[in-house]
Amino acid sequence: MTTPVPTRFTDEELTLIDDLVEQGIGGNRSAVIRRALHELADRVRRARVGAEIAASYRQHPQSAEDDELAMASAIALTEAESW
Protein backbone atom coordinates (compact mmCIF):
# COMPACT_ATOMS: atom_id res chain seq x y z
CA MET A 1 0.00 0.00 0.00
CA THR A 2 1.24 3.49 -0.76
CA THR A 3 0.21 6.79 0.73
CA PRO A 4 0.03 9.93 -1.38
CA VAL A 5 2.29 12.71 -0.13
CA PRO A 6 1.43 16.08 -1.63
CA THR A 7 4.53 18.06 -2.54
CA ARG A 8 5.49 20.80 -4.90
CA PHE A 9 8.32 20.87 -7.43
CA THR A 10 9.67 23.70 -9.50
CA ASP A 11 9.53 23.46 -13.27
CA GLU A 12 13.27 22.81 -13.27
CA GLU A 13 12.89 19.94 -10.78
CA LEU A 14 10.07 18.42 -12.81
CA THR A 15 12.24 18.62 -15.92
CA LEU A 16 14.99 16.75 -14.05
CA ILE A 17 12.54 14.09 -12.91
CA ASP A 18 11.05 13.74 -16.40
CA ASP A 19 14.54 13.44 -17.90
CA LEU A 20 15.27 10.59 -15.49
CA VAL A 21 12.02 8.88 -16.48
CA GLU A 22 13.02 9.22 -20.15
CA GLN A 23 16.42 7.69 -19.33
CA GLY A 24 14.68 4.68 -17.81
CA ILE A 25 15.70 5.38 -14.22
CA GLY A 26 12.08 4.86 -13.24
CA GLY A 27 8.88 4.07 -15.06
CA ASN A 28 7.23 7.29 -13.93
CA ARG A 29 7.81 10.32 -11.72
CA SER A 30 6.81 8.50 -8.55
CA ALA A 31 9.25 5.67 -9.25
CA VAL A 32 12.09 8.13 -9.81
CA ILE A 33 11.28 9.98 -6.58
CA ARG A 34 11.07 6.71 -4.60
CA ARG A 35 14.40 5.56 -6.03
CA ALA A 36 15.98 8.90 -5.17
CA LEU A 37 14.67 8.61 -1.62
CA HIS A 38 16.16 5.14 -1.19
CA GLU A 39 19.49 6.22 -2.66
CA LEU A 40 19.62 9.28 -0.38
CA ALA A 41 18.80 7.15 2.67
CA ASP A 42 21.57 4.72 1.69
CA ARG A 43 24.06 7.57 1.19
CA VAL A 44 23.20 9.03 4.60
CA ARG A 45 23.54 5.60 6.25
CA ARG A 46 26.92 4.98 4.60
CA ALA A 47 28.18 8.43 5.61
CA ARG A 48 27.10 7.80 9.21
CA VAL A 49 28.83 4.40 9.30
CA GLY A 50 31.97 5.92 7.75
CA ALA A 51 31.99 8.69 10.35
CA GLU A 52 31.61 6.11 13.14
CA ILE A 53 34.51 4.06 11.76
CA ALA A 54 36.71 7.16 11.46
CA ALA A 55 35.81 8.25 15.00
CA SER A 56 36.70 4.78 16.27
CA TYR A 57 40.12 4.95 14.63
CA ARG A 58 40.68 8.39 16.15
CA GLN A 59 39.75 7.07 19.60
CA HIS A 60 41.80 3.88 19.18
CA PRO A 61 44.62 4.57 16.70
CA GLN A 62 46.39 1.68 15.06
CA SER A 63 49.58 0.73 16.91
CA ALA A 64 52.94 -0.50 15.68
CA GLU A 65 51.96 -3.92 17.03
CA ASP A 66 48.84 -3.84 14.82
CA ASP A 67 51.05 -2.98 11.83
CA GLU A 68 53.38 -5.89 12.57
CA LEU A 69 50.46 -8.31 12.89
CA ALA A 70 48.95 -7.07 9.62
CA MET A 71 52.29 -7.47 7.83
CA ALA A 72 52.78 -10.97 9.23
CA SER A 73 49.29 -11.94 8.06
CA ALA A 74 49.94 -10.50 4.59
CA ILE A 75 53.22 -12.40 4.30
CA ALA A 76 51.57 -15.64 5.44
CA LEU A 77 48.75 -15.25 2.91
CA THR A 78 51.23 -14.50 0.12
CA GLU A 79 53.40 -17.49 1.01
CA ALA A 80 50.32 -19.75 1.10
CA GLU A 81 49.57 -18.95 -2.57
CA SER A 82 50.53 -21.56 -5.14
CA TRP A 83 51.72 -18.92 -7.63
PDB file of N, CA and C in Angstrom:
ATOM      1  N   MET A   1       0.833  -1.172   0.000  1.00  0.00           N
ATOM      2  CA  MET A   1       0.000   0.000   0.000  1.00  0.00           C
ATOM      3  C   MET A   1       0.885   1.244   0.000  1.00  0.00           C
ATOM      4  N   THR A   2       0.517   2.225  -0.746  1.00  0.00           N
ATOM      5  CA  THR A   2       1.242   3.491  -0.757  1.00  0.00           C
ATOM      6  C   THR A   2       0.331   4.597  -0.266  1.00  0.00           C
ATOM      7  N   THR A   3       0.953   5.632   0.233  1.00  0.00           N
ATOM      8  CA  THR A   3       0.214   6.791   0.733  1.00  0.00           C
ATOM      9  C   THR A   3       0.617   8.012  -0.071  1.00  0.00           C
ATOM     10  N   PRO A   4      -0.325   8.710  -0.647  1.00  0.00           N
ATOM     11  CA  PRO A   4       0.026   9.928  -1.378  1.00  0.00           C
ATOM     12  C   PRO A   4       0.608  10.977  -0.430  1.00  0.00           C
ATOM     13  N   VAL A   5       1.667  11.637  -0.898  1.00  0.00           N
ATOM     14  CA  VAL A   5       2.287  12.707  -0.126  1.00  0.00           C
ATOM     15  C   VAL A   5       2.334  13.936  -1.035  1.00  0.00           C
ATOM     16  N   PRO A   6       1.435  14.878  -0.790  1.00  0.00           N
ATOM     17  CA  PRO A   6       1.430  16.078  -1.632  1.00  0.00           C
ATOM     18  C   PRO A   6       2.733  16.851  -1.472  1.00  0.00           C
ATOM     19  N   THR A   7       3.312  17.244  -2.568  1.00  0.00           N
ATOM     20  CA  THR A   7       4.528  18.060  -2.541  1.00  0.00           C
ATOM     21  C   THR A   7       4.555  18.927  -3.785  1.00  0.00           C
ATOM     22  N   ARG A   8       5.398  19.897  -3.756  1.00  0.00           N
ATOM     23  CA  ARG A   8       5.493  20.801  -4.902  1.00  0.00           C
ATOM     24  C   ARG A   8       6.919  20.774  -5.438  1.00  0.00           C
ATOM     25  N   PHE A   9       7.025  20.817  -6.769  1.00  0.00           N
ATOM     26  CA  PHE A   9       8.319  20.866  -7.434  1.00  0.00           C
ATOM     27  C   PHE A   9       8.341  22.059  -8.372  1.00  0.00           C
ATOM     28  N   THR A  10       9.517  22.624  -8.531  1.00  0.00           N
ATOM     29  CA  THR A  10       9.671  23.703  -9.503  1.00  0.00           C
ATOM     30  C   THR A  10       9.644  23.095 -10.909  1.00  0.00           C
ATOM     31  N   ASP A  11       9.483  23.939 -11.898  1.00  0.00           N
ATOM     32  CA  ASP A  11       9.526  23.463 -13.275  1.00  0.00           C
ATOM     33  C   ASP A  11      10.865  22.801 -13.575  1.00  0.00           C
ATOM     34  N   GLU A  12      11.931  23.380 -13.050  1.00  0.00           N
ATOM     35  CA  GLU A  12      13.269  22.809 -13.266  1.00  0.00           C
ATOM     36  C   GLU A  12      13.374  21.416 -12.641  1.00  0.00           C
ATOM     37  N   GLU A  13      12.852  21.255 -11.436  1.00  0.00           N
ATOM     38  CA  GLU A  13      12.890  19.938 -10.776  1.00  0.00           C
ATOM     39  C   GLU A  13      12.061  18.917 -11.545  1.00  0.00           C
ATOM     40  N   LEU A  14      10.895  19.331 -12.023  1.00  0.00           N
ATOM     41  CA  LEU A  14      10.067  18.415 -12.813  1.00  0.00           C
ATOM     42  C   LEU A  14      10.770  18.015 -14.102  1.00  0.00           C
ATOM     43  N   THR A  15      11.477  18.943 -14.711  1.00  0.00           N
ATOM     44  CA  THR A  15      12.238  18.621 -15.917  1.00  0.00           C
ATOM     45  C   THR A  15      13.301  17.580 -15.600  1.00  0.00           C
ATOM     46  N   LEU A  16      13.998  17.742 -14.464  1.00  0.00           N
ATOM     47  CA  LEU A  16      14.992  16.749 -14.052  1.00  0.00           C
ATOM     48  C   LEU A  16      14.360  15.383 -13.845  1.00  0.00           C
ATOM     49  N   ILE A  17      13.238  15.352 -13.171  1.00  0.00           N
ATOM     50  CA  ILE A  17      12.538  14.088 -12.912  1.00  0.00           C
ATOM     51  C   ILE A  17      12.101  13.463 -14.229  1.00  0.00           C
ATOM     52  N   ASP A  18      11.512  14.264 -15.107  1.00  0.00           N
ATOM     53  CA  ASP A  18      11.047  13.741 -16.398  1.00  0.00           C
ATOM     54  C   ASP A  18      12.221  13.232 -17.239  1.00  0.00           C
ATOM     55  N   ASP A  19      13.352  13.915 -17.185  1.00  0.00           N
ATOM     56  CA  ASP A  19      14.540  13.443 -17.903  1.00  0.00           C
ATOM     57  C   ASP A  19      14.975  12.076 -17.386  1.00  0.00           C
ATOM     58  N   LEU A  20      14.905  11.895 -16.071  1.00  0.00           N
ATOM     59  CA  LEU A  20      15.271  10.594 -15.494  1.00  0.00           C
ATOM     60  C   LEU A  20      14.286   9.504 -15.910  1.00  0.00           C
ATOM     61  N   VAL A  21      13.021   9.842 -15.999  1.00  0.00           N
ATOM     62  CA  VAL A  21      12.022   8.884 -16.481  1.00  0.00           C
ATOM     63  C   VAL A  21      12.363   8.494 -17.919  1.00  0.00           C
ATOM     64  N   GLU A  22      12.675   9.484 -18.747  1.00  0.00           N
ATOM     65  CA  GLU A  22      13.017   9.219 -20.148  1.00  0.00           C
ATOM     66  C   GLU A  22      14.265   8.357 -20.269  1.00  0.00           C
ATOM     67  N   GLN A  23      15.190   8.493 -19.325  1.00  0.00           N
ATOM     68  CA  GLN A  23      16.419   7.693 -19.330  1.00  0.00           C
ATOM     69  C   GLN A  23      16.193   6.285 -18.783  1.00  0.00           C
ATOM     70  N   GLY A  24      14.989   6.015 -18.319  1.00  0.00           N
ATOM     71  CA  GLY A  24      14.676   4.685 -17.812  1.00  0.00           C
ATOM     72  C   GLY A  24      15.049   4.454 -16.365  1.00  0.00           C
ATOM     73  N   ILE A  25      15.343   5.520 -15.636  1.00  0.00           N
ATOM     74  CA  ILE A  25      15.699   5.384 -14.223  1.00  0.00           C
ATOM     75  C   ILE A  25      14.495   4.911 -13.419  1.00  0.00           C
ATOM     76  N   GLY A  26      13.328   5.304 -13.857  1.00  0.00           N
ATOM     77  CA  GLY A  26      12.084   4.864 -13.237  1.00  0.00           C
ATOM     78  C   GLY A  26      10.990   4.902 -14.288  1.00  0.00           C
ATOM     79  N   GLY A  27       9.959   4.138 -14.085  1.00  0.00           N
ATOM     80  CA  GLY A  27       8.884   4.075 -15.060  1.00  0.00           C
ATOM     81  C   GLY A  27       8.001   5.306 -15.085  1.00  0.00           C
ATOM     82  N   ASN A  28       8.037   6.075 -14.016  1.00  0.00           N
ATOM     83  CA  ASN A  28       7.235   7.293 -13.929  1.00  0.00           C
ATOM     84  C   ASN A  28       7.855   8.207 -12.866  1.00  0.00           C
ATOM     85  N   ARG A  29       7.262   9.367 -12.687  1.00  0.00           N
ATOM     86  CA  ARG A  29       7.812  10.321 -11.717  1.00  0.00           C
ATOM     87  C   ARG A  29       7.889   9.740 -10.314  1.00  0.00           C
ATOM     88  N   SER A  30       6.835   9.068  -9.912  1.00  0.00           N
ATOM     89  CA  SER A  30       6.810   8.501  -8.552  1.00  0.00           C
ATOM     90  C   SER A  30       7.941   7.500  -8.349  1.00  0.00           C
ATOM     91  N   ALA A  31       8.183   6.672  -9.361  1.00  0.00           N
ATOM     92  CA  ALA A  31       9.246   5.668  -9.248  1.00  0.00           C
ATOM     93  C   ALA A  31      10.615   6.336  -9.133  1.00  0.00           C
ATOM     94  N   VAL A  32      10.823   7.403  -9.890  1.00  0.00           N
ATOM     95  CA  VAL A  32      12.090   8.135  -9.812  1.00  0.00           C
ATOM     96  C   VAL A  32      12.257   8.743  -8.427  1.00  0.00           C
ATOM     97  N   ILE A  33      11.216   9.351  -7.909  1.00  0.00           N
ATOM     98  CA  ILE A  33      11.284   9.983  -6.584  1.00  0.00           C
ATOM     99  C   ILE A  33      11.524   8.932  -5.506  1.00  0.00           C
ATOM    100  N   ARG A  34      10.843   7.785  -5.585  1.00  0.00           N
ATOM    101  CA  ARG A  34      11.065   6.715  -4.597  1.00  0.00           C
ATOM    102  C   ARG A  34      12.500   6.215  -4.664  1.00  0.00           C
ATOM    103  N   ARG A  35      13.013   6.029  -5.891  1.00  0.00           N
ATOM    104  CA  ARG A  35      14.395   5.557  -6.030  1.00  0.00           C
ATOM    105  C   ARG A  35      15.358   6.580  -5.438  1.00  0.00           C
ATOM    106  N   ALA A  36      15.115   7.859  -5.718  1.00  0.00           N
ATOM    107  CA  ALA A  36      15.978   8.904  -5.170  1.00  0.00           C
ATOM    108  C   ALA A  36      15.957   8.886  -3.647  1.00  0.00           C
ATOM    109  N   LEU A  37      14.790   8.678  -3.069  1.00  0.00           N
ATOM    110  CA  LEU A  37      14.669   8.612  -1.618  1.00  0.00           C
ATOM    111  C   LEU A  37      15.504   7.470  -1.050  1.00  0.00           C
ATOM    112  N   HIS A  38      15.395   6.300  -1.667  1.00  0.00           N
ATOM    113  CA  HIS A  38      16.160   5.138  -1.189  1.00  0.00           C
ATOM    114  C   HIS A  38      17.665   5.365  -1.343  1.00  0.00           C
ATOM    115  N   GLU A  39      18.066   5.965  -2.454  1.00  0.00           N
ATOM    116  CA  GLU A  39      19.495   6.219  -2.658  1.00  0.00           C
ATOM    117  C   GLU A  39      20.012   7.261  -1.675  1.00  0.00           C
ATOM    118  N   LEU A  40      19.217   8.282  -1.377  1.00  0.00           N
ATOM    119  CA  LEU A  40      19.618   9.281  -0.381  1.00  0.00           C
ATOM    120  C   LEU A  40      19.728   8.638   0.999  1.00  0.00           C
ATOM    121  N   ALA A  41      18.759   7.819   1.357  1.00  0.00           N
ATOM    122  CA  ALA A  41      18.799   7.150   2.667  1.00  0.00           C
ATOM    123  C   ALA A  41      20.036   6.257   2.771  1.00  0.00           C
ATOM    124  N   ASP A  42      20.385   5.560   1.693  1.00  0.00           N
ATOM    125  CA  ASP A  42      21.575   4.716   1.689  1.00  0.00           C
ATOM    126  C   ASP A  42      22.836   5.557   1.821  1.00  0.00           C
ATOM    127  N   ARG A  43      22.899   6.689   1.120  1.00  0.00           N
ATOM    128  CA  ARG A  43      24.063   7.573   1.189  1.00  0.00           C
ATOM    129  C   ARG A  43      24.234   8.114   2.607  1.00  0.00           C
ATOM    130  N   VAL A  44      23.134   8.510   3.234  1.00  0.00           N
ATOM    131  CA  VAL A  44      23.198   9.031   4.604  1.00  0.00           C
ATOM    132  C   VAL A  44      23.661   7.938   5.555  1.00  0.00           C
ATOM    133  N   ARG A  45      23.134   6.724   5.389  1.00  0.00           N
ATOM    134  CA  ARG A  45      23.537   5.604   6.253  1.00  0.00           C
ATOM    135  C   ARG A  45      25.021   5.309   6.092  1.00  0.00           C
ATOM    136  N   ARG A  46      25.501   5.261   4.847  1.00  0.00           N
ATOM    137  CA  ARG A  46      26.916   4.981   4.598  1.00  0.00           C
ATOM    138  C   ARG A  46      27.813   6.073   5.175  1.00  0.00           C
ATOM    139  N   ALA A  47      27.395   7.322   5.049  1.00  0.00           N
ATOM    140  CA  ALA A  47      28.182   8.429   5.613  1.00  0.00           C
ATOM    141  C   ALA A  47      28.251   8.315   7.133  1.00  0.00           C
ATOM    142  N   ARG A  48      27.129   7.942   7.747  1.00  0.00           N
ATOM    143  CA  ARG A  48      27.101   7.800   9.208  1.00  0.00           C
ATOM    144  C   ARG A  48      28.022   6.659   9.642  1.00  0.00           C
ATOM    145  N   VAL A  49      27.966   5.536   8.953  1.00  0.00           N
ATOM    146  CA  VAL A  49      28.832   4.402   9.296  1.00  0.00           C
ATOM    147  C   VAL A  49      30.300   4.788   9.097  1.00  0.00           C
ATOM    148  N   GLY A  50      30.598   5.475   7.998  1.00  0.00           N
ATOM    149  CA  GLY A  50      31.966   5.919   7.754  1.00  0.00           C
ATOM    150  C   GLY A  50      32.468   6.845   8.844  1.00  0.00           C
ATOM    151  N   ALA A  51      31.616   7.762   9.273  1.00  0.00           N
ATOM    152  CA  ALA A  51      31.989   8.688  10.348  1.00  0.00           C
ATOM    153  C   ALA A  51      32.234   7.929  11.651  1.00  0.00           C
ATOM    154  N   GLU A  52      31.422   6.916  11.923  1.00  0.00           N
ATOM    155  CA  GLU A  52      31.608   6.115  13.137  1.00  0.00           C
ATOM    156  C   GLU A  52      32.916   5.338  13.081  1.00  0.00           C
ATOM    157  N   ILE A  53      33.248   4.796  11.916  1.00  0.00           N
ATOM    158  CA  ILE A  53      34.514   4.061  11.763  1.00  0.00           C
ATOM    159  C   ILE A  53      35.687   5.013  11.955  1.00  0.00           C
ATOM    160  N   ALA A  54      35.626   6.186  11.324  1.00  0.00           N
ATOM    161  CA  ALA A  54      36.710   7.165  11.458  1.00  0.00           C
ATOM    162  C   ALA A  54      36.870   7.601  12.910  1.00  0.00           C
ATOM    163  N   ALA A  55      35.754   7.843  13.598  1.00  0.00           N
ATOM    164  CA  ALA A  55      35.812   8.245  15.004  1.00  0.00           C
ATOM    165  C   ALA A  55      36.439   7.143  15.848  1.00  0.00           C
ATOM    166  N   SER A  56      36.131   5.905  15.526  1.00  0.00           N
ATOM    167  CA  SER A  56      36.696   4.781  16.266  1.00  0.00           C
ATOM    168  C   SER A  56      38.209   4.719  16.096  1.00  0.00           C
ATOM    169  N   TYR A  57      38.674   4.943  14.853  1.00  0.00           N
ATOM    170  CA  TYR A  57      40.119   4.947  14.628  1.00  0.00           C
ATOM    171  C   TYR A  57      40.794   6.117  15.334  1.00  0.00           C
ATOM    172  N   ARG A  58      40.103   7.264  15.418  1.00  0.00           N
ATOM    173  CA  ARG A  58      40.680   8.394  16.147  1.00  0.00           C
ATOM    174  C   ARG A  58      40.771   8.093  17.645  1.00  0.00           C
ATOM    175  N   GLN A  59      39.762   7.402  18.173  1.00  0.00           N
ATOM    176  CA  GLN A  59      39.755   7.073  19.598  1.00  0.00           C
ATOM    177  C   GLN A  59      40.745   5.955  19.922  1.00  0.00           C
ATOM    178  N   HIS A  60      40.916   5.039  18.979  1.00  0.00           N
ATOM    179  CA  HIS A  60      41.800   3.881  19.181  1.00  0.00           C
ATOM    180  C   HIS A  60      42.717   3.747  17.969  1.00  0.00           C
ATOM    181  N   PRO A  61      43.733   4.603  17.878  1.00  0.00           N
ATOM    182  CA  PRO A  61      44.617   4.572  16.701  1.00  0.00           C
ATOM    183  C   PRO A  61      45.334   3.232  16.576  1.00  0.00           C
ATOM    184  N   GLN A  62      45.659   2.913  15.331  1.00  0.00           N
ATOM    185  CA  GLN A  62      46.387   1.678  15.058  1.00  0.00           C
ATOM    186  C   GLN A  62      47.784   1.788  15.647  1.00  0.00           C
ATOM    187  N   SER A  63      48.265   0.719  16.268  1.00  0.00           N
ATOM    188  CA  SER A  63      49.576   0.733  16.913  1.00  0.00           C
ATOM    189  C   SER A  63      50.610   0.039  16.027  1.00  0.00           C
ATOM    190  N   ALA A  64      51.865   0.180  16.402  1.00  0.00           N
ATOM    191  CA  ALA A  64      52.943  -0.500  15.681  1.00  0.00           C
ATOM    192  C   ALA A  64      52.743  -2.012  15.756  1.00  0.00           C
ATOM    193  N   GLU A  65      52.229  -2.484  16.878  1.00  0.00           N
ATOM    194  CA  GLU A  65      51.958  -3.917  17.029  1.00  0.00           C
ATOM    195  C   GLU A  65      50.890  -4.370  16.021  1.00  0.00           C
ATOM    196  N   ASP A  66      49.870  -3.535  15.823  1.00  0.00           N
ATOM    197  CA  ASP A  66      48.838  -3.845  14.824  1.00  0.00           C
ATOM    198  C   ASP A  66      49.459  -3.927  13.435  1.00  0.00           C
ATOM    199  N   ASP A  67      50.386  -2.983  13.136  1.00  0.00           N
ATOM    200  CA  ASP A  67      51.053  -2.980  11.834  1.00  0.00           C
ATOM    201  C   ASP A  67      51.858  -4.261  11.633  1.00  0.00           C
ATOM    202  N   GLU A  68      52.569  -4.680  12.660  1.00  0.00           N
ATOM    203  CA  GLU A  68      53.381  -5.895  12.574  1.00  0.00           C
ATOM    204  C   GLU A  68      52.498  -7.117  12.353  1.00  0.00           C
ATOM    205  N   LEU A  69      51.383  -7.181  13.047  1.00  0.00           N
ATOM    206  CA  LEU A  69      50.465  -8.307  12.888  1.00  0.00           C
ATOM    207  C   LEU A  69      49.872  -8.322  11.481  1.00  0.00           C
ATOM    208  N   ALA A  70      49.496  -7.160  10.965  1.00  0.00           N
ATOM    209  CA  ALA A  70      48.950  -7.072   9.615  1.00  0.00           C
ATOM    210  C   ALA A  70      49.986  -7.508   8.590  1.00  0.00           C
ATOM    211  N   MET A  71      51.227  -7.083   8.760  1.00  0.00           N
ATOM    212  CA  MET A  71      52.294  -7.467   7.828  1.00  0.00           C
ATOM    213  C   MET A  71      52.549  -8.970   7.895  1.00  0.00           C
ATOM    214  N   ALA A  72      52.563  -9.534   9.085  1.00  0.00           N
ATOM    215  CA  ALA A  72      52.777 -10.971   9.231  1.00  0.00           C
ATOM    216  C   ALA A  72      51.649 -11.748   8.556  1.00  0.00           C
ATOM    217  N   SER A  73      50.431 -11.273   8.701  1.00  0.00           N
ATOM    218  CA  SER A  73      49.292 -11.936   8.061  1.00  0.00           C
ATOM    219  C   SER A  73      49.402 -11.834   6.541  1.00  0.00           C
ATOM    220  N   ALA A  74      49.795 -10.683   6.034  1.00  0.00           N
ATOM    221  CA  ALA A  74      49.937 -10.502   4.587  1.00  0.00           C
ATOM    222  C   ALA A  74      51.019 -11.417   4.030  1.00  0.00           C
ATOM    223  N   ILE A  75      52.135 -11.516   4.740  1.00  0.00           N
ATOM    224  CA  ILE A  75      53.216 -12.403   4.304  1.00  0.00           C
ATOM    225  C   ILE A  75      52.750 -13.850   4.308  1.00  0.00           C
ATOM    226  N   ALA A  76      52.061 -14.256   5.355  1.00  0.00           N
ATOM    227  CA  ALA A  76      51.568 -15.641   5.445  1.00  0.00           C
ATOM    228  C   ALA A  76      50.608 -15.947   4.308  1.00  0.00           C
ATOM    229  N   LEU A  77      49.704 -15.036   4.006  1.00  0.00           N
ATOM    230  CA  LEU A  77      48.754 -15.250   2.911  1.00  0.00           C
ATOM    231  C   LEU A  77      49.473 -15.346   1.571  1.00  0.00           C
ATOM    232  N   THR A  78      50.474 -14.497   1.373  1.00  0.00           N
ATOM    233  CA  THR A  78      51.233 -14.503   0.119  1.00  0.00           C
ATOM    234  C   THR A  78      52.010 -15.809  -0.016  1.00  0.00           C
ATOM    235  N   GLU A  79      52.625 -16.255   1.049  1.00  0.00           N
ATOM    236  CA  GLU A  79      53.400 -17.493   1.011  1.00  0.00           C
ATOM    237  C   GLU A  79      52.504 -18.715   0.812  1.00  0.00           C
ATOM    238  N   ALA A  80      51.250 -18.620   1.233  1.00  0.00           N
ATOM    239  CA  ALA A  80      50.323 -19.749   1.097  1.00  0.00           C
ATOM    240  C   ALA A  80      49.828 -19.911  -0.341  1.00  0.00           C
ATOM    241  N   GLU A  81      50.015 -18.884  -1.176  1.00  0.00           N
ATOM    242  CA  GLU A  81      49.572 -18.945  -2.569  1.00  0.00           C
ATOM    243  C   GLU A  81      50.431 -19.934  -3.355  1.00  0.00           C
ATOM    244  N   SER A  82      49.795 -20.555  -4.336  1.00  0.00           N
ATOM    245  CA  SER A  82      50.526 -21.560  -5.137  1.00  0.00           C
ATOM    246  C   SER A  82      51.202 -20.949  -6.358  1.00  0.00           C
ATOM    247  N   TRP A  83      51.160 -19.672  -6.513  1.00  0.00           N
ATOM    248  CA  TRP A  83      51.722 -18.921  -7.625  1.00  0.00           C
ATOM    249  C   TRP A  83      52.155 -19.859  -8.683  1.00  0.00           C
TER     250      TRP A  83
END
